C-alpha atoms as a PDB file:
ATOM      1  CA  MET A   1      -5.545  37.353  -5.983  1.00  0.00           C
ATOM      2  CA  LYS A   2      -5.472  38.368  -2.301  1.00  0.00           C
ATOM      3  CA  LYS A   3      -2.385  40.489  -2.953  1.00  0.00           C
ATOM      4  CA  GLN A   4      -4.192  42.318  -5.793  1.00  0.00           C
ATOM      5  CA  ASN A   5      -7.258  42.929  -3.606  1.00  0.00           C
ATOM      6  CA  ALA A   6      -5.090  44.243  -0.768  1.00  0.00           C
ATOM      7  CA  LEU A   7      -3.262  46.528  -3.203  1.00  0.00           C
ATOM      8  CA  LEU A   8      -6.542  47.806  -4.645  1.00  0.00           C
ATOM      9  CA  THR A   9      -7.985  48.425  -1.165  1.00  0.00           C
ATOM     10  CA  ASN A  10      -4.807  50.218  -0.062  1.00  0.00           C
ATOM     11  CA  SER A  11      -4.826  52.373  -3.211  1.00  0.00           C
ATOM     12  CA  ALA A  12      -8.488  53.326  -2.717  1.00  0.00           C
ATOM     13  CA  PHE A  13      -7.815  54.241   0.922  1.00  0.00           C
ATOM     14  CA  CYS A  14      -4.825  56.406  -0.076  1.00  0.00           C
ATOM     15  CA  TYR A  15      -6.930  58.144  -2.735  1.00  0.00           C
ATOM     16  CA  ILE A  16      -9.697  58.937  -0.242  1.00  0.00           C
ATOM     17  CA  MET A  17      -7.148  60.281   2.251  1.00  0.00           C
ATOM     18  CA  MET A  18      -5.574  62.415  -0.505  1.00  0.00           C
ATOM     19  CA  ILE A  19      -8.956  63.968  -1.385  1.00  0.00           C
ATOM     20  CA  ASP A  20      -9.679  64.559   2.297  1.00  0.00           C
ATOM     21  CA  GLU A  21      -6.277  66.255   2.776  1.00  0.00           C
ATOM     22  CA  TYR A  22      -6.787  68.396  -0.350  1.00  0.00           C
ATOM     23  CA  ALA A  23     -10.138  69.660   0.908  1.00  0.00           C
ATOM     24  CA  ASP A  24      -8.624  70.461   4.318  1.00  0.00           C
ATOM     25  CA  ASN A  25      -5.727  72.341   2.720  1.00  0.00           C
ATOM     26  CA  PHE A  26      -8.100  74.254   0.423  1.00  0.00           C
ATOM     27  CA  SER A  27     -10.280  75.317   3.346  1.00  0.00           C
ATOM     28  CA  SER A  28      -7.221  76.356   5.380  1.00  0.00           C
ATOM     29  CA  ALA A  29      -5.775  78.355   2.479  1.00  0.00           C
ATOM     30  CA  VAL A  30      -9.014  80.241   1.949  1.00  0.00           C
ATOM     31  CA  SER A  31      -9.455  81.115   5.629  1.00  0.00           C
ATOM     32  CA  GLU A  32      -5.778  82.134   6.039  1.00  0.00           C
ATOM     33  CA  LYS A  33      -6.159  84.712   3.275  1.00  0.00           C
ATOM     34  CA  GLY A  34      -9.095  86.245   5.123  1.00  0.00           C
ATOM     35  CA  GLN A  35     -11.549  85.558   2.333  1.00  0.00           C
ATOM     36  CA  PHE A  36     -15.122  84.593   2.886  1.00  0.00           C
ATOM     37  CA  SER A  37     -16.519  81.267   1.813  1.00  0.00           C
ATOM     38  CA  MET A  38     -18.334  80.744  -1.470  1.00  0.00           C
ATOM     39  CA  TYR A  39     -21.926  80.937  -0.318  1.00  0.00           C
ATOM     40  CA  PRO A  40     -22.373  80.868   3.459  1.00  0.00           C
ATOM     41  CA  HIS A  41     -25.743  82.644   3.443  1.00  0.00           C
ATOM     42  CA  SER A  42     -29.059  80.959   4.148  1.00  0.00           C
ATOM     43  CA  LEU A  43     -30.954  79.965   1.038  1.00  0.00           C
ATOM     44  CA  PHE A  44     -34.304  78.989   2.553  1.00  0.00           C
ATOM     45  CA  LEU A  45     -35.594  77.727   5.904  1.00  0.00           C
ATOM     46  CA  GLY A  46     -32.271  78.749   7.448  1.00  0.00           C
ATOM     47  CA  LEU A  47     -30.346  76.164   5.413  1.00  0.00           C
ATOM     48  CA  THR A  48     -27.019  77.017   3.844  1.00  0.00           C
ATOM     49  CA  LEU A  49     -25.568  75.350   0.775  1.00  0.00           C
ATOM     50  CA  TYR A  50     -23.349  73.309   3.116  1.00  0.00           C
ATOM     51  CA  ASP A  51     -26.421  71.931   4.925  1.00  0.00           C
ATOM     52  CA  ILE A  52     -28.077  71.097   1.615  1.00  0.00           C
ATOM     53  CA  PHE A  53     -25.022  69.176   0.378  1.00  0.00           C
ATOM     54  CA  ILE A  54     -24.932  67.148   3.592  1.00  0.00           C
ATOM     55  CA  LEU A  55     -28.656  66.384   3.331  1.00  0.00           C
ATOM     56  CA  VAL A  56     -28.253  65.321  -0.306  1.00  0.00           C
ATOM     57  CA  GLY A  57     -25.371  63.037   0.704  1.00  0.00           C
ATOM     58  CA  VAL A  58     -27.340  61.400   3.503  1.00  0.00           C
ATOM     59  CA  VAL A  59     -30.404  60.897   1.290  1.00  0.00           C
ATOM     60  CA  ALA A  60     -28.234  59.472  -1.513  1.00  0.00           C
ATOM     61  CA  ALA A  61     -26.606  57.065   0.961  1.00  0.00           C
ATOM     62  CA  PHE A  62     -30.017  55.959   2.259  1.00  0.00           C
ATOM     63  CA  LEU A  63     -31.327  55.374  -1.267  1.00  0.00           C
ATOM     64  CA  LEU A  64     -28.212  53.421  -2.215  1.00  0.00           C
ATOM     65  CA  ALA A  65     -28.457  51.308   0.937  1.00  0.00           C
ATOM     66  CA  ASP A  66     -32.105  50.563   0.233  1.00  0.00           C
ATOM     67  CA  ARG A  67     -31.342  49.593  -3.366  1.00  0.00           C
ATOM     68  CA  MET A  68     -28.435  47.364  -2.356  1.00  0.00           C
ATOM     69  CA  THR A  69     -30.366  45.562   0.410  1.00  0.00           C
ATOM     70  CA  VAL A  70     -33.159  44.767  -2.048  1.00  0.00           C
ATOM     71  CA  LYS A  71     -30.687  43.609  -4.696  1.00  0.00           C
ATOM     72  CA  ARG A  72     -28.895  41.337  -2.222  1.00  0.00           C
ATOM     73  CA  GLY A  73     -32.149  39.734  -1.116  1.00  0.00           C
ATOM     74  CA  PHE A  74     -32.440  40.989   2.461  1.00  0.00           C
ATOM     75  CA  SER A  75     -35.735  40.151   4.143  1.00  0.00           C
ATOM     76  CA  VAL A  76     -38.184  42.991   4.722  1.00  0.00           C
ATOM     77  CA  SER A  77     -37.591  42.902   8.475  1.00  0.00           C
ATOM     78  CA  LEU A  78     -33.818  43.183   7.995  1.00  0.00           C
ATOM     79  CA  GLN A  79     -34.311  46.038   5.521  1.00  0.00           C
ATOM     80  CA  ARG A  80     -36.333  47.920   8.130  1.00  0.00           C
ATOM     81  CA  ILE A  81     -33.646  47.246  10.727  1.00  0.00           C
ATOM     82  CA  VAL A  82     -31.002  48.627   8.370  1.00  0.00           C
ATOM     83  CA  ILE A  83     -33.049  51.842   7.887  1.00  0.00           C
ATOM     84  CA  ILE A  84     -33.478  52.258  11.653  1.00  0.00           C
ATOM     85  CA  CYS A  85     -29.773  51.569  12.179  1.00  0.00           C
ATOM     86  CA  ALA A  86     -28.831  54.138   9.553  1.00  0.00           C
ATOM     87  CA  LEU A  87     -31.081  56.778  11.138  1.00  0.00           C
ATOM     88  CA  SER A  88     -29.580  56.129  14.565  1.00  0.00           C
ATOM     89  CA  ALA A  89     -26.077  56.212  13.057  1.00  0.00           C
ATOM     90  CA  VAL A  90     -26.706  59.617  11.462  1.00  0.00           C
ATOM     91  CA  ILE A  91     -28.095  61.109  14.684  1.00  0.00           C
ATOM     92  CA  VAL A  92     -25.463  59.661  17.032  1.00  0.00           C
ATOM     93  CA  GLY A  93     -22.730  60.213  14.445  1.00  0.00           C
ATOM     94  CA  TYR A  94     -23.493  63.918  14.166  1.00  0.00           C
ATOM     95  CA  GLY A  95     -23.475  64.302  17.946  1.00  0.00           C
ATOM     96  CA  SER A  96     -20.202  62.419  18.135  1.00  0.00           C
ATOM     97  CA  ALA A  97     -18.704  64.547  15.347  1.00  0.00           C
ATOM     98  CA  VAL A  98     -19.516  67.749  17.238  1.00  0.00           C
ATOM     99  CA  LEU A  99     -18.219  66.276  20.508  1.00  0.00           C
ATOM    100  CA  PHE A 100     -14.900  65.253  18.924  1.00  0.00           C
ATOM    101  CA  GLN A 101     -14.535  68.707  17.341  1.00  0.00           C
ATOM    102  CA  ALA A 102     -15.137  70.323  20.731  1.00  0.00           C
ATOM    103  CA  PHE A 103     -12.201  68.326  22.102  1.00  0.00           C
ATOM    104  CA  TYR A 104     -10.033  69.444  19.156  1.00  0.00           C
ATOM    105  CA  ASN A 105     -11.035  73.052  19.801  1.00  0.00           C
ATOM    106  CA  ILE A 106      -9.677  72.953  23.355  1.00  0.00           C
ATOM    107  CA  ALA A 107      -6.214  73.750  21.998  1.00  0.00           C
ATOM    108  CA  GLU A 108      -7.570  76.770  20.109  1.00  0.00           C
ATOM    109  CA  ARG A 109     -10.024  78.182  22.659  1.00  0.00           C
ATOM    110  CA  GLY A 110      -8.460  76.940  25.873  1.00  0.00           C
ATOM    111  CA  LYS A 111     -11.713  75.449  27.153  1.00  0.00           C
ATOM    112  CA  PHE A 112     -14.337  72.863  26.244  1.00  0.00           C
ATOM    113  CA  VAL A 113     -17.268  74.636  24.563  1.00  0.00           C
ATOM    114  CA  ILE A 114     -20.067  73.385  22.345  1.00  0.00           C
ATOM    115  CA  ASP A 115     -21.793  76.241  20.557  1.00  0.00           C
ATOM    116  CA  ALA A 116     -22.777  77.344  17.040  1.00  0.00           C
ATOM    117  CA  ASN A 117     -19.101  77.717  16.062  1.00  0.00           C
ATOM    118  CA  THR A 118     -17.946  74.275  17.202  1.00  0.00           C
ATOM    119  CA  GLY A 119     -18.136  72.496  13.832  1.00  0.00           C
ATOM    120  CA  ALA A 120     -17.986  68.742  13.219  1.00  0.00           C
ATOM    121  CA  THR A 121     -15.221  66.219  12.537  1.00  0.00           C
ATOM    122  CA  PHE A 122     -15.722  63.375  10.042  1.00  0.00           C
ATOM    123  CA  TYR A 123     -13.718  60.825  12.011  1.00  0.00           C
ATOM    124  CA  GLY A 124     -15.642  61.553  15.197  1.00  0.00           C
ATOM    125  CA  GLY A 125     -18.890  61.068  13.310  1.00  0.00           C
ATOM    126  CA  LEU A 126     -17.620  57.857  11.746  1.00  0.00           C
ATOM    127  CA  ILE A 127     -16.651  56.390  15.115  1.00  0.00           C
ATOM    128  CA  GLY A 128     -19.911  57.347  16.825  1.00  0.00           C
ATOM    129  CA  GLY A 129     -22.102  56.459  13.856  1.00  0.00           C
ATOM    130  CA  ALA A 130     -20.467  53.078  13.277  1.00  0.00           C
ATOM    131  CA  GLY A 131     -20.766  52.220  16.955  1.00  0.00           C
ATOM    132  CA  ALA A 132     -24.457  53.159  17.014  1.00  0.00           C
ATOM    133  CA  PHE A 133     -25.132  51.259  13.792  1.00  0.00           C
ATOM    134  CA  LEU A 134     -23.489  48.069  15.055  1.00  0.00           C
ATOM    135  CA  LEU A 135     -25.184  48.238  18.433  1.00  0.00           C
ATOM    136  CA  VAL A 136     -28.681  48.695  16.981  1.00  0.00           C
ATOM    137  CA  TYR A 137     -28.043  46.239  14.128  1.00  0.00           C
ATOM    138  CA  PHE A 138     -27.094  43.319  16.334  1.00  0.00           C
ATOM    139  CA  ILE A 139     -29.612  43.974  19.124  1.00  0.00           C
ATOM    140  CA  ALA A 140     -32.533  44.511  16.727  1.00  0.00           C
ATOM    141  CA  GLY A 141     -31.347  41.684  14.474  1.00  0.00           C
ATOM    142  CA  LYS A 142     -31.325  39.278  17.401  1.00  0.00           C
ATOM    143  CA  HIS A 143     -34.897  40.133  18.368  1.00  0.00           C
ATOM    144  CA  PHE A 144     -36.622  40.689  15.021  1.00  0.00           C
ATOM    145  CA  CYS A 145     -34.878  38.489  12.430  1.00  0.00           C
ATOM    146  CA  LYS A 146     -35.478  34.806  11.894  1.00  0.00           C
ATOM    147  CA  ASP A 147     -32.706  32.212  11.591  1.00  0.00           C
ATOM    148  CA  ASN A 148     -29.994  34.623  12.758  1.00  0.00           C
ATOM    149  CA  GLU A 149     -30.216  36.493   9.426  1.00  0.00           C
ATOM    150  CA  ALA A 150     -28.569  39.677  10.755  1.00  0.00           C
ATOM    151  CA  VAL A 151     -25.386  37.803  11.659  1.00  0.00           C
ATOM    152  CA  LYS A 152     -25.361  35.821   8.404  1.00  0.00           C
ATOM    153  CA  ARG A 153     -25.845  38.994   6.334  1.00  0.00           C
ATOM    154  CA  PHE A 154     -23.266  41.051   8.235  1.00  0.00           C
ATOM    155  CA  PRO A 155     -20.544  40.691   5.531  1.00  0.00           C
ATOM    156  CA  ASP A 156     -23.079  41.990   2.980  1.00  0.00           C
ATOM    157  CA  MET A 157     -23.882  44.851   5.349  1.00  0.00           C
ATOM    158  CA  LEU A 158     -20.183  45.760   5.518  1.00  0.00           C
ATOM    159  CA  ASP A 159     -20.071  45.898   1.707  1.00  0.00           C
ATOM    160  CA  ILE A 160     -23.118  48.149   1.638  1.00  0.00           C
ATOM    161  CA  GLY A 161     -21.613  50.441   4.273  1.00  0.00           C
ATOM    162  CA  ALA A 162     -18.362  50.614   2.299  1.00  0.00           C
ATOM    163  CA  CYS A 163     -20.353  52.090  -0.597  1.00  0.00           C
ATOM    164  CA  CYS A 164     -22.727  54.357   1.321  1.00  0.00           C
ATOM    165  CA  ILE A 165     -20.340  56.064   3.750  1.00  0.00           C
ATOM    166  CA  PRO A 166     -17.960  57.431   1.064  1.00  0.00           C
ATOM    167  CA  LEU A 167     -20.951  58.569  -1.005  1.00  0.00           C
ATOM    168  CA  ALA A 168     -22.345  60.642   1.859  1.00  0.00           C
ATOM    169  CA  HIS A 169     -18.847  61.862   2.752  1.00  0.00           C
ATOM    170  CA  ALA A 170     -18.191  62.993  -0.825  1.00  0.00           C
ATOM    171  CA  PHE A 171     -21.275  65.221  -0.823  1.00  0.00           C
ATOM    172  CA  GLY A 172     -20.285  66.515   2.611  1.00  0.00           C
ATOM    173  CA  ARG A 173     -16.810  67.436   1.356  1.00  0.00           C
ATOM    174  CA  LEU A 174     -18.356  69.303  -1.558  1.00  0.00           C
ATOM    175  CA  GLY A 175     -20.414  71.162   1.014  1.00  0.00           C
ATOM    176  CA  CYS A 176     -17.220  72.058   2.892  1.00  0.00           C
ATOM    177  CA  LEU A 177     -16.112  74.088  -0.116  1.00  0.00           C
ATOM    178  CA  THR A 178     -19.222  76.246   0.231  1.00  0.00           C
ATOM    179  CA  ALA A 179     -19.105  76.724   4.014  1.00  0.00           C
END
């Protein structure tokens, strides 16, 4: 049984990496040909279609996390902690994604610059966001949850994160095709 689970997990990881690589190759092919993106113009309030896809992904991930915490029987205080952790993870994760991209851009530009053209890297956002989530989760859980519930529910929280992160990422990758 463990061998089947490991095989399934490995296959899912390879599939996600394949989709990620395909989207990167598609974006590179389009920009190498000198073509413009599908719809880079602002639609309303200065938001592009890329921004809207990312917002939809984040909202969908939040709704899924809320639904899953209720279904798994998390206490109300732990549900609130999870929402606060997710908000902090999105904010810190975005900053980390831009920071990592700025380091990648050093090879291209020759200097470290963060401006409107810097972009964002998924893996940088994942590292920063996960770190922020864990830090807030365990500190807030220690102070606001009874009977060490945050630590006891941590495996459930990992399962929830394993569903929510790819959901948000999928919408973000769709947005990459429009950027």
